[in-house]
Amino acid sequence: MSSFIDFLKGSYNEFRHKVEWPKWADLQSSTIVVTIATVILALFTFGVDELFSKAISNIIGMLINVFN
């Protein structure tokens, strides 16, 4: 149990005194970049999904017409 407490004390010391935390402005700009990238990726994924959905529907429709 002593080693676990030493681990917790060491972790706290590391986080408190040795980690360089980002500034508020850096966090805001990073959040904006991630949000924009997420929206762009979601729109791209939606577009590809719609394209494949319509293509598969057309292919299935043509196959149904060929075999009927």
N, C-alpha and C. Protein backbone atom coordinates (compact mmCIF):
# COMPACT_ATOMS: atom_id res chain seq x y z
N MET A 1 0.83 -1.20 0.00
CA MET A 1 0.00 0.00 0.00
C MET A 1 0.87 1.25 0.00
N SER A 2 2.04 1.16 0.60
CA SER A 2 2.94 2.30 0.68
C SER A 2 3.40 2.73 -0.72
N SER A 3 3.66 1.74 -1.58
CA SER A 3 4.12 2.09 -2.93
C SER A 3 3.01 2.78 -3.73
N PHE A 4 1.76 2.42 -3.47
CA PHE A 4 0.66 3.08 -4.16
C PHE A 4 0.54 4.54 -3.72
N ILE A 5 0.71 4.79 -2.44
CA ILE A 5 0.66 6.17 -1.93
C ILE A 5 1.83 6.97 -2.48
N ASP A 6 3.01 6.36 -2.54
CA ASP A 6 4.16 7.04 -3.15
C ASP A 6 3.89 7.35 -4.62
N PHE A 7 3.24 6.43 -5.30
CA PHE A 7 2.88 6.67 -6.70
C PHE A 7 1.94 7.86 -6.82
N LEU A 8 0.93 7.93 -5.97
CA LEU A 8 -0.01 9.05 -6.01
C LEU A 8 0.69 10.37 -5.70
N LYS A 9 1.56 10.38 -4.71
CA LYS A 9 2.30 11.60 -4.37
C LYS A 9 3.20 12.03 -5.53
N GLY A 10 3.87 11.06 -6.14
CA GLY A 10 4.73 11.37 -7.28
C GLY A 10 3.94 11.88 -8.47
N SER A 11 2.79 11.28 -8.72
CA SER A 11 1.94 11.73 -9.83
C SER A 11 1.45 13.15 -9.59
N TYR A 12 1.02 13.42 -8.36
CA TYR A 12 0.56 14.77 -8.03
C TYR A 12 1.68 15.78 -8.22
N ASN A 13 2.87 15.45 -7.73
CA ASN A 13 4.02 16.34 -7.88
C ASN A 13 4.34 16.58 -9.36
N GLU A 14 4.28 15.54 -10.15
CA GLU A 14 4.55 15.64 -11.58
C GLU A 14 3.54 16.57 -12.27
N PHE A 15 2.26 16.34 -12.00
CA PHE A 15 1.22 17.16 -12.62
C PHE A 15 1.26 18.60 -12.14
N ARG A 16 1.57 18.79 -10.89
CA ARG A 16 1.52 20.13 -10.30
C ARG A 16 2.71 20.98 -10.70
N HIS A 17 3.92 20.39 -10.75
CA HIS A 17 5.12 21.20 -10.89
C HIS A 17 5.91 20.98 -12.18
N LYS A 18 5.71 19.88 -12.86
CA LYS A 18 6.56 19.60 -14.02
C LYS A 18 5.82 19.66 -15.36
N VAL A 19 4.50 19.51 -15.34
CA VAL A 19 3.73 19.53 -16.58
C VAL A 19 3.47 20.98 -16.97
N GLU A 20 3.70 21.28 -18.24
CA GLU A 20 3.38 22.63 -18.73
C GLU A 20 2.00 22.58 -19.37
N TRP A 21 1.05 23.14 -18.66
CA TRP A 21 -0.33 23.11 -19.13
C TRP A 21 -0.53 24.19 -20.18
N PRO A 22 -1.38 23.94 -21.19
CA PRO A 22 -1.61 24.95 -22.23
C PRO A 22 -2.35 26.17 -21.67
N LYS A 23 -2.11 27.30 -22.32
CA LYS A 23 -2.79 28.54 -21.93
C LYS A 23 -4.22 28.52 -22.47
N TRP A 24 -5.08 29.37 -21.90
CA TRP A 24 -6.49 29.41 -22.27
C TRP A 24 -6.66 29.74 -23.75
N ALA A 25 -5.88 30.67 -24.27
CA ALA A 25 -5.99 31.05 -25.69
C ALA A 25 -5.62 29.88 -26.59
N ASP A 26 -4.61 29.12 -26.20
CA ASP A 26 -4.22 27.94 -26.98
C ASP A 26 -5.33 26.90 -27.00
N LEU A 27 -5.97 26.70 -25.84
CA LEU A 27 -7.09 25.75 -25.77
C LEU A 27 -8.24 26.19 -26.67
N GLN A 28 -8.54 27.48 -26.67
CA GLN A 28 -9.64 27.98 -27.50
C GLN A 28 -9.34 27.79 -28.98
N SER A 29 -8.12 28.13 -29.40
CA SER A 29 -7.80 27.99 -30.82
C SER A 29 -7.78 26.52 -31.23
N SER A 30 -7.28 25.65 -30.37
CA SER A 30 -7.28 24.22 -30.69
C SER A 30 -8.70 23.68 -30.78
N THR A 31 -9.57 24.15 -29.89
CA THR A 31 -10.96 23.71 -29.92
C THR A 31 -11.64 24.13 -31.21
N ILE A 32 -11.37 25.33 -31.67
CA ILE A 32 -11.95 25.81 -32.92
C ILE A 32 -11.46 24.97 -34.09
N VAL A 33 -10.17 24.67 -34.13
CA VAL A 33 -9.61 23.86 -35.22
C VAL A 33 -10.23 22.47 -35.22
N VAL A 34 -10.34 21.86 -34.04
CA VAL A 34 -10.90 20.51 -33.96
C VAL A 34 -12.38 20.52 -34.36
N THR A 35 -13.12 21.54 -33.95
CA THR A 35 -14.54 21.64 -34.31
C THR A 35 -14.72 21.78 -35.81
N ILE A 36 -13.95 22.64 -36.44
CA ILE A 36 -14.05 22.83 -37.89
C ILE A 36 -13.66 21.54 -38.63
N ALA A 37 -12.59 20.89 -38.19
CA ALA A 37 -12.17 19.65 -38.83
C ALA A 37 -13.23 18.56 -38.67
N THR A 38 -13.88 18.51 -37.51
CA THR A 38 -14.92 17.52 -37.27
C THR A 38 -16.12 17.75 -38.18
N VAL A 39 -16.52 19.01 -38.34
CA VAL A 39 -17.65 19.33 -39.21
C VAL A 39 -17.32 18.97 -40.66
N ILE A 40 -16.13 19.31 -41.10
CA ILE A 40 -15.73 18.99 -42.48
C ILE A 40 -15.71 17.47 -42.69
N LEU A 41 -15.16 16.73 -41.74
CA LEU A 41 -15.12 15.27 -41.87
C LEU A 41 -16.52 14.67 -41.85
N ALA A 42 -17.40 15.22 -41.01
CA ALA A 42 -18.78 14.71 -40.96
C ALA A 42 -19.50 14.98 -42.28
N LEU A 43 -19.31 16.16 -42.85
CA LEU A 43 -19.94 16.46 -44.15
C LEU A 43 -19.40 15.56 -45.25
N PHE A 44 -18.09 15.32 -45.24
CA PHE A 44 -17.50 14.42 -46.23
C PHE A 44 -18.05 13.01 -46.08
N THR A 45 -18.14 12.53 -44.85
CA THR A 45 -18.67 11.19 -44.60
C THR A 45 -20.12 11.09 -45.04
N PHE A 46 -20.91 12.12 -44.75
CA PHE A 46 -22.30 12.15 -45.19
C PHE A 46 -22.40 12.10 -46.71
N GLY A 47 -21.55 12.89 -47.39
CA GLY A 47 -21.56 12.91 -48.86
C GLY A 47 -21.21 11.57 -49.47
N VAL A 48 -20.16 10.93 -48.94
CA VAL A 48 -19.75 9.62 -49.46
C VAL A 48 -20.84 8.59 -49.19
N ASP A 49 -21.45 8.65 -48.01
CA ASP A 49 -22.52 7.71 -47.66
C ASP A 49 -23.71 7.87 -48.60
N GLU A 50 -24.10 9.10 -48.87
CA GLU A 50 -25.21 9.34 -49.79
C GLU A 50 -24.87 8.87 -51.20
N LEU A 51 -23.65 9.14 -51.64
CA LEU A 51 -23.22 8.72 -52.98
C LEU A 51 -23.27 7.20 -53.11
N PHE A 52 -22.71 6.49 -52.15
CA PHE A 52 -22.73 5.03 -52.19
C PHE A 52 -24.15 4.49 -52.08
N SER A 53 -24.97 5.12 -51.27
CA SER A 53 -26.36 4.67 -51.11
C SER A 53 -27.11 4.77 -52.43
N LYS A 54 -26.96 5.89 -53.12
CA LYS A 54 -27.65 6.06 -54.40
C LYS A 54 -27.08 5.13 -55.46
N ALA A 55 -25.76 4.94 -55.44
CA ALA A 55 -25.14 4.04 -56.43
C ALA A 55 -25.61 2.61 -56.22
N ILE A 56 -25.65 2.16 -54.98
CA ILE A 56 -26.11 0.79 -54.71
C ILE A 56 -27.58 0.63 -55.05
N SER A 57 -28.38 1.64 -54.76
CA SER A 57 -29.80 1.59 -55.13
C SER A 57 -29.97 1.49 -56.64
N ASN A 58 -29.19 2.24 -57.38
CA ASN A 58 -29.25 2.18 -58.85
C ASN A 58 -28.81 0.82 -59.37
N ILE A 59 -27.75 0.28 -58.79
CA ILE A 59 -27.26 -1.03 -59.24
C ILE A 59 -28.30 -2.11 -58.94
N ILE A 60 -28.88 -2.08 -57.74
CA ILE A 60 -29.91 -3.07 -57.40
C ILE A 60 -31.13 -2.91 -58.31
N GLY A 61 -31.50 -1.67 -58.60
CA GLY A 61 -32.62 -1.43 -59.52
C GLY A 61 -32.35 -1.98 -60.90
N MET A 62 -31.14 -1.79 -61.41
CA MET A 62 -30.80 -2.32 -62.73
C MET A 62 -30.81 -3.85 -62.72
N LEU A 63 -30.29 -4.46 -61.65
CA LEU A 63 -30.30 -5.92 -61.57
C LEU A 63 -31.71 -6.48 -61.49
N ILE A 64 -32.60 -5.81 -60.79
CA ILE A 64 -33.99 -6.24 -60.71
C ILE A 64 -34.63 -6.15 -62.08
N ASN A 65 -34.34 -5.10 -62.82
CA ASN A 65 -34.91 -4.94 -64.16
C ASN A 65 -34.36 -5.96 -65.14
N VAL A 66 -33.10 -6.33 -64.98
CA VAL A 66 -32.49 -7.31 -65.89
C VAL A 66 -33.10 -8.70 -65.68
N PHE A 67 -33.35 -9.06 -64.43
CA PHE A 67 -33.85 -10.41 -64.14
C PHE A 67 -35.37 -10.51 -64.12
N ASN A 68 -36.07 -9.44 -64.36
CA ASN A 68 -37.54 -9.50 -64.43
C ASN A 68 -38.01 -9.56 -65.84
